[in-house]
C-alpha cells in the first residue's frame, strides 16, 4: 500500500517501482521520497490464483463476484488509470487499456459512495482498480519488497477486484486540493497526516463517503480503499 494542489495523481517517475496494495498492501516509489508502492503484507505460503471460471452465459443471473466496468455503474466517474500509461512511478506501461473493473458487489458499494459525494458537488477520480495477477507478478519483479508490493504468491486485493485507488474532482471534473500526489509514498500520504488540516479537507470528504459505503482505508495510502469482504474473492487472471 510505494504536494500543493494535486491534479490527477502522481508524476511519472523514471526508474522502476510499482503500485498499490493493501492487507499491508503498500507500494513505494523511487527517489525523491517516493518508494515502491506499498504492497500487501507478506503471508506464508498462500494459494496461487485459481483459474477463472468459464465466461458467464448472457442469460445467466448476475453474481456478486462478476467483474463489471465501473463506468457502467458510475457513468460520471473520471478515469485516470495511471498504469495504462507511462505516467506512473515505474515509468512503464503495465495495463493494455485504461479500464476500471471491480467485482459487482464492490462496484455497488463504490456507487453508494459516488452518490453521497455527488450531492456534495464531487465526482470520483479513479487511479487503479482490478489488476490481473500476471501484472502483479511483473510488479513484484520490479520491486520484490513485500512491505510495499504484494508478493504474487500472496496476491494483491487489487487482483481480487476488491480494492480501488481513487480521489475526487469537482462536479465539472476539475482538480481539487488533495494531500499528496498519487503514489507519493512518504509520511505525508499516511492517513493521520493526509487527512489533517486544510489540505486534508477533500481526503476527509472521500474518507467519510467510503467508510459509509463500508470500505476500509489503507493506513499509509490515503487514496487506497479495500472492500470489507475482499478475502471472499479469488485472485484472478482475467485480462483487462
C-alpha atoms as a PDB file:
ATOM      1  CA  UNK A   1       0.000   0.000   0.000  1.00  0.00           C
ATOM      2  CA  UNK A   2       5.269   2.671  -2.964  1.00  0.00           C
ATOM      3  CA  UNK A   3       2.126  18.132  -2.742  1.00  0.00           C
ATOM      4  CA  UNK A   4       0.191  21.891  -3.315  1.00  0.00           C
ATOM      5  CA  UNK A   5      -2.845  21.350  -5.484  1.00  0.00           C
ATOM      6  CA  UNK A   6      -2.808  17.914  -6.909  1.00  0.00           C
ATOM      7  CA  UNK A   7      -4.194  17.483 -10.328  1.00  0.00           C
ATOM      8  CA  UNK A   8      -4.665  13.930 -11.402  1.00  0.00           C
ATOM      9  CA  UNK A   9      -2.259  11.850  -9.473  1.00  0.00           C
ATOM     10  CA  UNK A  10       1.386  11.084  -9.494  1.00  0.00           C
ATOM     11  CA  UNK A  11       4.034  12.454 -11.743  1.00  0.00           C
ATOM     12  CA  UNK A  12       5.684   9.864 -13.981  1.00  0.00           C
ATOM     13  CA  UNK A  13       8.873   8.726 -12.337  1.00  0.00           C
ATOM     14  CA  UNK A  14      11.684   7.239 -14.275  1.00  0.00           C
ATOM     15  CA  UNK A  15      13.037   4.196 -12.671  1.00  0.00           C
ATOM     16  CA  UNK A  16      11.087   1.253 -11.536  1.00  0.00           C
ATOM     17  CA  UNK A  17       8.770   0.556  -8.731  1.00  0.00           C
ATOM     18  CA  UNK A  18       5.153  -0.438  -8.513  1.00  0.00           C
ATOM     19  CA  UNK A  19       1.781   0.382  -7.257  1.00  0.00           C
ATOM     20  CA  UNK A  20      -0.852  -0.121  -4.810  1.00  0.00           C
ATOM     21  CA  UNK A  21      -1.818  -2.695  -2.377  1.00  0.00           C
ATOM     22  CA  UNK A  22      -3.470  -3.489   0.906  1.00  0.00           C
ATOM     23  CA  UNK A  23      -3.610  -6.060   3.821  1.00  0.00           C
ATOM     24  CA  UNK A  24      -0.468  -4.109   4.463  1.00  0.00           C
ATOM     25  CA  UNK A  25      -0.589  -3.935   0.735  1.00  0.00           C
ATOM     26  CA  UNK A  26       1.647  -0.999   0.095  1.00  0.00           C
ATOM     27  CA  UNK A  27       3.848   0.371  -2.593  1.00  0.00           C
ATOM     28  CA  UNK A  28       6.776   2.568  -2.678  1.00  0.00           C
ATOM     29  CA  UNK A  29       8.229   4.866  -5.239  1.00  0.00           C
ATOM     30  CA  UNK A  30      11.742   5.660  -6.283  1.00  0.00           C
ATOM     31  CA  UNK A  31      13.827   8.664  -5.446  1.00  0.00           C
ATOM     32  CA  UNK A  32      12.541  11.958  -4.149  1.00  0.00           C
ATOM     33  CA  UNK A  33      10.936  10.223  -1.194  1.00  0.00           C
ATOM     34  CA  UNK A  34       8.825   8.059  -3.498  1.00  0.00           C
ATOM     35  CA  UNK A  35       9.192   4.492  -2.521  1.00  0.00           C
ATOM     36  CA  UNK A  36       7.832   1.451  -4.252  1.00  0.00           C
ATOM     37  CA  UNK A  37       4.107   1.392  -3.791  1.00  0.00           C
ATOM     38  CA  UNK A  38       3.049  -0.329  -0.621  1.00  0.00           C
ATOM     39  CA  UNK A  39       2.014  -3.837  -1.486  1.00  0.00           C
ATOM     40  CA  UNK A  40       0.318  -6.453   0.571  1.00  0.00           C
ATOM     41  CA  UNK A  41       1.858  -7.701   3.722  1.00  0.00           C
ATOM     42  CA  UNK A  42       3.718 -10.921   3.211  1.00  0.00           C
ATOM     43  CA  UNK A  43       1.879 -14.089   4.104  1.00  0.00           C
ATOM     44  CA  UNK A  44       3.211 -17.550   4.475  1.00  0.00           C
ATOM     45  CA  UNK A  45       2.526 -19.895   1.560  1.00  0.00           C
ATOM     46  CA  UNK A  46      -0.770 -18.535   0.150  1.00  0.00           C
ATOM     47  CA  UNK A  47      -2.500 -20.273  -2.698  1.00  0.00           C
ATOM     48  CA  UNK A  48      -1.779 -19.385  -6.287  1.00  0.00           C
ATOM     49  CA  UNK A  49      -4.569 -17.663  -8.253  1.00  0.00           C
ATOM     50  CA  UNK A  50      -7.275 -20.074  -9.262  1.00  0.00           C
ATOM     51  CA  UNK A  51      -8.101 -20.113 -12.945  1.00  0.00           C
ATOM     52  CA  UNK A  52     -11.161 -18.053 -13.772  1.00  0.00           C
ATOM     53  CA  UNK A  53     -14.381 -19.867 -14.476  1.00  0.00           C
ATOM     54  CA  UNK A  54     -15.762 -20.068 -17.974  1.00  0.00           C
ATOM     55  CA  UNK A  55     -17.453 -16.863 -19.181  1.00  0.00           C
ATOM     56  CA  UNK A  56     -20.900 -16.343 -17.756  1.00  0.00           C
ATOM     57  CA  UNK A  57     -23.642 -17.027 -20.338  1.00  0.00           C
ATOM     58  CA  UNK A  58     -25.539 -13.858 -21.300  1.00  0.00           C
ATOM     59  CA  UNK A  59     -28.768 -15.131 -19.790  1.00  0.00           C
ATOM     60  CA  UNK A  60     -27.181 -16.223 -16.504  1.00  0.00           C
ATOM     61  CA  UNK A  61     -28.220 -14.293 -13.379  1.00  0.00           C
ATOM     62  CA  UNK A  62     -25.831 -11.570 -12.209  1.00  0.00           C
ATOM     63  CA  UNK A  63     -23.445 -12.633  -9.472  1.00  0.00           C
ATOM     64  CA  UNK A  64     -21.765 -10.503  -6.827  1.00  0.00           C
ATOM     65  CA  UNK A  65     -18.354 -11.793  -7.916  1.00  0.00           C
ATOM     66  CA  UNK A  66     -18.795 -10.984 -11.612  1.00  0.00           C
ATOM     67  CA  UNK A  67     -16.400  -8.366 -12.953  1.00  0.00           C
ATOM     68  CA  UNK A  68     -18.066  -5.157 -14.119  1.00  0.00           C
ATOM     69  CA  UNK A  69     -16.694  -1.954 -15.603  1.00  0.00           C
ATOM     70  CA  UNK A  70     -17.140   0.767 -13.025  1.00  0.00           C
ATOM     71  CA  UNK A  71     -18.065   3.407 -15.606  1.00  0.00           C
ATOM     72  CA  UNK A  72     -21.159   1.335 -16.410  1.00  0.00           C
ATOM     73  CA  UNK A  73     -22.207   1.666 -12.778  1.00  0.00           C
ATOM     74  CA  UNK A  74     -20.873   5.180 -12.144  1.00  0.00           C
ATOM     75  CA  UNK A  75     -21.089   6.967 -15.529  1.00  0.00           C
ATOM     76  CA  UNK A  76     -19.694  10.272 -14.250  1.00  0.00           C
ATOM     77  CA  UNK A  77     -16.538   8.750 -12.729  1.00  0.00           C
ATOM     78  CA  UNK A  78     -13.338  10.209 -14.192  1.00  0.00           C
ATOM     79  CA  UNK A  79     -10.737   7.662 -15.317  1.00  0.00           C
ATOM     80  CA  UNK A  80      -7.037   8.442 -14.925  1.00  0.00           C
ATOM     81  CA  UNK A  81      -5.718   4.882 -14.991  1.00  0.00           C
ATOM     82  CA  UNK A  82      -2.048   5.535 -14.397  1.00  0.00           C
ATOM     83  CA  UNK A  83      -0.729   2.029 -15.056  1.00  0.00           C
ATOM     84  CA  UNK A  84      -2.234   2.099 -18.532  1.00  0.00           C
ATOM     85  CA  UNK A  85       0.268   4.878 -19.299  1.00  0.00           C
ATOM     86  CA  UNK A  86       3.922   5.529 -18.605  1.00  0.00           C
ATOM     87  CA  UNK A  87       2.825   8.343 -16.286  1.00  0.00           C
ATOM     88  CA  UNK A  88       3.264   6.276 -13.157  1.00  0.00           C
ATOM     89  CA  UNK A  89       6.194   5.923 -10.816  1.00  0.00           C
ATOM     90  CA  UNK A  90       7.525   2.841 -12.617  1.00  0.00           C
ATOM     91  CA  UNK A  91       7.744   4.771 -15.879  1.00  0.00           C
ATOM     92  CA  UNK A  92       6.396   1.646 -17.613  1.00  0.00           C
ATOM     93  CA  UNK A  93       3.039   0.959 -19.290  1.00  0.00           C
ATOM     94  CA  UNK A  94       1.661  -2.031 -17.392  1.00  0.00           C
ATOM     95  CA  UNK A  95      -2.001  -2.229 -18.443  1.00  0.00           C
ATOM     96  CA  UNK A  96      -3.087  -2.889 -22.037  1.00  0.00           C
ATOM     97  CA  UNK A  97      -6.005  -0.477 -21.777  1.00  0.00           C
ATOM     98  CA  UNK A  98      -7.412   2.113 -19.413  1.00  0.00           C
ATOM     99  CA  UNK A  99     -10.343   0.378 -17.767  1.00  0.00           C
ATOM    100  CA  UNK A 100     -11.548   0.195 -14.165  1.00  0.00           C
ATOM    101  CA  UNK A 101     -13.075  -3.171 -13.310  1.00  0.00           C
ATOM    102  CA  UNK A 102     -14.260  -4.358  -9.909  1.00  0.00           C
ATOM    103  CA  UNK A 103     -16.380  -7.193  -8.575  1.00  0.00           C
ATOM    104  CA  UNK A 104     -20.052  -6.354  -8.967  1.00  0.00           C
ATOM    105  CA  UNK A 105     -20.707  -6.099  -5.226  1.00  0.00           C
ATOM    106  CA  UNK A 106     -17.625  -3.909  -4.741  1.00  0.00           C
ATOM    107  CA  UNK A 107     -18.691  -1.628  -7.595  1.00  0.00           C
ATOM    108  CA  UNK A 108     -22.131  -1.341  -5.979  1.00  0.00           C
ATOM    109  CA  UNK A 109     -20.511  -0.151  -2.762  1.00  0.00           C
ATOM    110  CA  UNK A 110     -18.485   2.375  -4.724  1.00  0.00           C
ATOM    111  CA  UNK A 111     -21.651   3.621  -6.413  1.00  0.00           C
ATOM    112  CA  UNK A 112     -23.126   4.387  -2.982  1.00  0.00           C
ATOM    113  CA  UNK A 113     -20.064   6.468  -2.134  1.00  0.00           C
ATOM    114  CA  UNK A 114     -20.314   8.229  -5.503  1.00  0.00           C
ATOM    115  CA  UNK A 115     -23.971   9.081  -4.819  1.00  0.00           C
ATOM    116  CA  UNK A 116     -23.085  10.662  -1.480  1.00  0.00           C
ATOM    117  CA  UNK A 117     -20.225  12.645  -2.974  1.00  0.00           C
ATOM    118  CA  UNK A 118     -22.281  13.798  -5.958  1.00  0.00           C
ATOM    119  CA  UNK A 119     -24.582  15.526  -3.500  1.00  0.00           C
ATOM    120  CA  UNK A 120     -21.541  17.471  -2.284  1.00  0.00           C
ATOM    121  CA  UNK A 121     -20.506  18.579  -5.755  1.00  0.00           C
ATOM    122  CA  UNK A 122     -17.801  15.950  -6.148  1.00  0.00           C
ATOM    123  CA  UNK A 123     -17.094  13.101  -8.581  1.00  0.00           C
ATOM    124  CA  UNK A 124     -14.782  10.111  -8.254  1.00  0.00           C
ATOM    125  CA  UNK A 125     -11.344  10.179  -9.871  1.00  0.00           C
ATOM    126  CA  UNK A 126     -10.183   6.578 -10.422  1.00  0.00           C
ATOM    127  CA  UNK A 127      -6.467   5.771 -10.469  1.00  0.00           C
ATOM    128  CA  UNK A 128      -6.361   1.968 -10.157  1.00  0.00           C
ATOM    129  CA  UNK A 129      -8.903  -0.836  -9.775  1.00  0.00           C
ATOM    130  CA  UNK A 130      -8.662  -4.534 -10.692  1.00  0.00           C
ATOM    131  CA  UNK A 131      -5.141  -5.690 -11.517  1.00  0.00           C
ATOM    132  CA  UNK A 132      -4.658  -9.127 -13.142  1.00  0.00           C
ATOM    133  CA  UNK A 133      -2.341 -11.450 -11.228  1.00  0.00           C
ATOM    134  CA  UNK A 134       0.189 -11.690 -14.113  1.00  0.00           C
ATOM    135  CA  UNK A 135       0.670  -7.920 -13.890  1.00  0.00           C
ATOM    136  CA  UNK A 136       1.157  -8.228 -10.146  1.00  0.00           C
ATOM    137  CA  UNK A 137       3.961 -10.678 -10.946  1.00  0.00           C
ATOM    138  CA  UNK A 138       5.593  -8.075 -13.188  1.00  0.00           C
ATOM    139  CA  UNK A 139       5.392  -5.539 -10.400  1.00  0.00           C
ATOM    140  CA  UNK A 140       6.984  -7.966  -7.978  1.00  0.00           C
ATOM    141  CA  UNK A 141       9.883  -8.458 -10.365  1.00  0.00           C
ATOM    142  CA  UNK A 142      10.371  -4.692 -10.438  1.00  0.00           C
ATOM    143  CA  UNK A 143      10.142  -4.261  -6.659  1.00  0.00           C
ATOM    144  CA  UNK A 144      10.387  -7.582  -4.772  1.00  0.00           C
ATOM    145  CA  UNK A 145       9.733  -5.988  -1.384  1.00  0.00           C
ATOM    146  CA  UNK A 146       6.708  -7.331   0.468  1.00  0.00           C
ATOM    147  CA  UNK A 147       6.483  -4.212   2.614  1.00  0.00           C
ATOM    148  CA  UNK A 148       5.265  -2.289  -0.391  1.00  0.00           C
ATOM    149  CA  UNK A 149       4.346  -4.677  -3.193  1.00  0.00           C
ATOM    150  CA  UNK A 150       2.159  -7.723  -2.793  1.00  0.00           C
ATOM    151  CA  UNK A 151       4.077 -10.912  -3.391  1.00  0.00           C
ATOM    152  CA  UNK A 152       2.118 -12.648  -6.182  1.00  0.00           C
ATOM    153  CA  UNK A 153       2.178 -15.821  -4.091  1.00  0.00           C
ATOM    154  CA  UNK A 154       0.082 -13.896  -1.573  1.00  0.00           C
ATOM    155  CA  UNK A 155      -1.770 -11.793  -4.091  1.00  0.00           C
ATOM    156  CA  UNK A 156      -2.988  -8.225  -4.047  1.00  0.00           C
ATOM    157  CA  UNK A 157      -6.516  -7.204  -3.165  1.00  0.00           C
ATOM    158  CA  UNK A 158      -6.429  -5.357  -6.464  1.00  0.00           C
ATOM    159  CA  UNK A 159      -6.053  -8.791  -8.083  1.00  0.00           C
ATOM    160  CA  UNK A 160      -9.208  -9.884  -6.287  1.00  0.00           C
ATOM    161  CA  UNK A 161     -11.112  -6.983  -7.828  1.00  0.00           C
ATOM    162  CA  UNK A 162     -11.806  -5.701  -4.325  1.00  0.00           C
ATOM    163  CA  UNK A 163      -9.541  -2.665  -3.954  1.00  0.00           C
ATOM    164  CA  UNK A 164      -9.582   0.765  -5.535  1.00  0.00           C
ATOM    165  CA  UNK A 165      -7.239   3.760  -5.622  1.00  0.00           C
ATOM    166  CA  UNK A 166      -9.107   6.995  -6.072  1.00  0.00           C
ATOM    167  CA  UNK A 167      -9.519  10.674  -5.273  1.00  0.00           C
ATOM    168  CA  UNK A 168     -12.002  13.437  -6.053  1.00  0.00           C
ATOM    169  CA  UNK A 169     -12.631  16.116  -8.653  1.00  0.00           C
ATOM    170  CA  UNK A 170     -15.324  18.774  -8.630  1.00  0.00           C
ATOM    171  CA  UNK A 171     -18.647  18.445 -10.433  1.00  0.00           C
ATOM    172  CA  UNK A 172     -17.090  19.782 -13.650  1.00  0.00           C
ATOM    173  CA  UNK A 173     -14.196  17.312 -13.463  1.00  0.00           C
ATOM    174  CA  UNK A 174     -11.684  19.918 -12.316  1.00  0.00           C
ATOM    175  CA  UNK A 175      -8.939  19.141  -9.785  1.00  0.00           C
ATOM    176  CA  UNK A 176      -9.432  19.844  -6.105  1.00  0.00           C
ATOM    177  CA  UNK A 177      -6.799  20.209  -3.386  1.00  0.00           C
ATOM    178  CA  UNK A 178      -5.508  16.792  -2.327  1.00  0.00           C
ATOM    179  CA  UNK A 179      -2.975  15.960   0.419  1.00  0.00           C
ATOM    180  CA  UNK A 180      -0.359  14.479  -1.933  1.00  0.00           C
ATOM    181  CA  UNK A 181       0.036  13.158  -5.407  1.00  0.00           C
ATOM    182  CA  UNK A 182      -0.929   9.570  -6.210  1.00  0.00           C
ATOM    183  CA  UNK A 183       1.822   7.107  -5.319  1.00  0.00           C
ATOM    184  CA  UNK A 184       3.783   9.676  -3.377  1.00  0.00           C
ATOM    185  CA  UNK A 185       4.851   7.242  -0.731  1.00  0.00           C
ATOM    186  CA  UNK A 186       6.021   9.479   2.048  1.00  0.00           C
ATOM    187  CA  UNK A 187       4.655  10.009   5.530  1.00  0.00           C
ATOM    188  CA  UNK A 188       2.624  12.862   4.088  1.00  0.00           C
ATOM    189  CA  UNK A 189       0.456  10.200   2.392  1.00  0.00           C
ATOM    190  CA  UNK A 190      -0.190   8.316   5.636  1.00  0.00           C
ATOM    191  CA  UNK A 191      -3.794   8.722   6.685  1.00  0.00           C
ATOM    192  CA  UNK A 192      -3.300  10.508  10.026  1.00  0.00           C
ATOM    193  CA  UNK A 193      -1.285  13.238   8.323  1.00  0.00           C
ATOM    194  CA  UNK A 194      -3.060  13.288   4.953  1.00  0.00           C
ATOM    195  CA  UNK A 195      -6.496  13.776   6.487  1.00  0.00           C
ATOM    196  CA  UNK A 196      -5.387  16.569   8.806  1.00  0.00           C
ATOM    197  CA  UNK A 197      -5.624  20.294   8.321  1.00  0.00           C
ATOM    198  CA  UNK A 198      -6.768  22.398   5.363  1.00  0.00           C
ATOM    199  CA  UNK A 199      -5.045  20.173   2.794  1.00  0.00           C
ATOM    200  CA  UNK A 200      -6.950  17.191   4.126  1.00  0.00           C
ATOM    201  CA  UNK A 201     -10.466  18.552   3.543  1.00  0.00           C
ATOM    202  CA  UNK A 202     -11.102  16.613   0.318  1.00  0.00           C
ATOM    203  CA  UNK A 203      -9.377  13.476   1.609  1.00  0.00           C
ATOM    204  CA  UNK A 204     -11.641  13.590   4.670  1.00  0.00           C
ATOM    205  CA  UNK A 205     -14.652  14.030   2.424  1.00  0.00           C
ATOM    206  CA  UNK A 206     -13.605  10.952   0.450  1.00  0.00           C
ATOM    207  CA  UNK A 207     -12.840   9.005   3.623  1.00  0.00           C
ATOM    208  CA  UNK A 208     -16.272   9.688   5.111  1.00  0.00           C
ATOM    209  CA  UNK A 209     -18.120   8.599   1.962  1.00  0.00           C
ATOM    210  CA  UNK A 210     -16.045   5.464   1.504  1.00  0.00           C
ATOM    211  CA  UNK A 211     -16.363   4.424   5.128  1.00  0.00           C
ATOM    212  CA  UNK A 212     -20.114   4.964   4.982  1.00  0.00           C
ATOM    213  CA  UNK A 213     -20.193   2.601   1.994  1.00  0.00           C
ATOM    214  CA  UNK A 214     -18.258   0.011   4.003  1.00  0.00           C
ATOM    215  CA  UNK A 215     -14.739   0.404   2.595  1.00  0.00           C
ATOM    216  CA  UNK A 216     -11.600   0.267   4.717  1.00  0.00           C
ATOM    217  CA  UNK A 217      -8.739   2.661   4.170  1.00  0.00           C
ATOM    218  CA  UNK A 218      -5.086   1.762   3.876  1.00  0.00           C
ATOM    219  CA  UNK A 219      -3.090   3.344   6.740  1.00  0.00           C
ATOM    220  CA  UNK A 220      -0.203   4.527   4.557  1.00  0.00           C
ATOM    221  CA  UNK A 221      -2.105   5.448   1.361  1.00  0.00           C
ATOM    222  CA  UNK A 222      -4.953   7.906   1.781  1.00  0.00           C
ATOM    223  CA  UNK A 223      -6.169   7.044  -1.765  1.00  0.00           C
ATOM    224  CA  UNK A 224      -6.407   3.246  -1.254  1.00  0.00           C
ATOM    225  CA  UNK A 225      -9.576   1.503  -0.053  1.00  0.00           C
ATOM    226  CA  UNK A 226     -10.464  -2.191   0.305  1.00  0.00           C
ATOM    227  CA  UNK A 227     -13.876  -3.812   0.337  1.00  0.00           C
ATOM    228  CA  UNK A 228     -14.541  -5.348   3.771  1.00  0.00           C
ATOM    229  CA  UNK A 229     -15.132  -8.776   2.211  1.00  0.00           C
ATOM    230  CA  UNK A 230     -12.121  -8.690  -0.113  1.00  0.00           C
ATOM    231  CA  UNK A 231     -10.893 -12.076   1.115  1.00  0.00           C
ATOM    232  CA  UNK A 232     -14.090 -13.667  -0.226  1.00  0.00           C
ATOM    233  CA  UNK A 233     -12.998 -13.054  -3.830  1.00  0.00           C
ATOM    234  CA  UNK A 234     -10.469 -15.258  -5.584  1.00  0.00           C
ATOM    235  CA  UNK A 235      -7.284 -13.917  -7.108  1.00  0.00           C
ATOM    236  CA  UNK A 236      -7.935 -13.546 -10.816  1.00  0.00           C
ATOM    237  CA  UNK A 237      -6.053 -13.799 -14.104  1.00  0.00           C
ATOM    238  CA  UNK A 238      -8.936 -12.351 -16.105  1.00  0.00           C
ATOM    239  CA  UNK A 239      -7.474  -9.872 -18.616  1.00  0.00           C
ATOM    240  CA  UNK A 240      -8.409  -6.211 -18.601  1.00  0.00           C
END
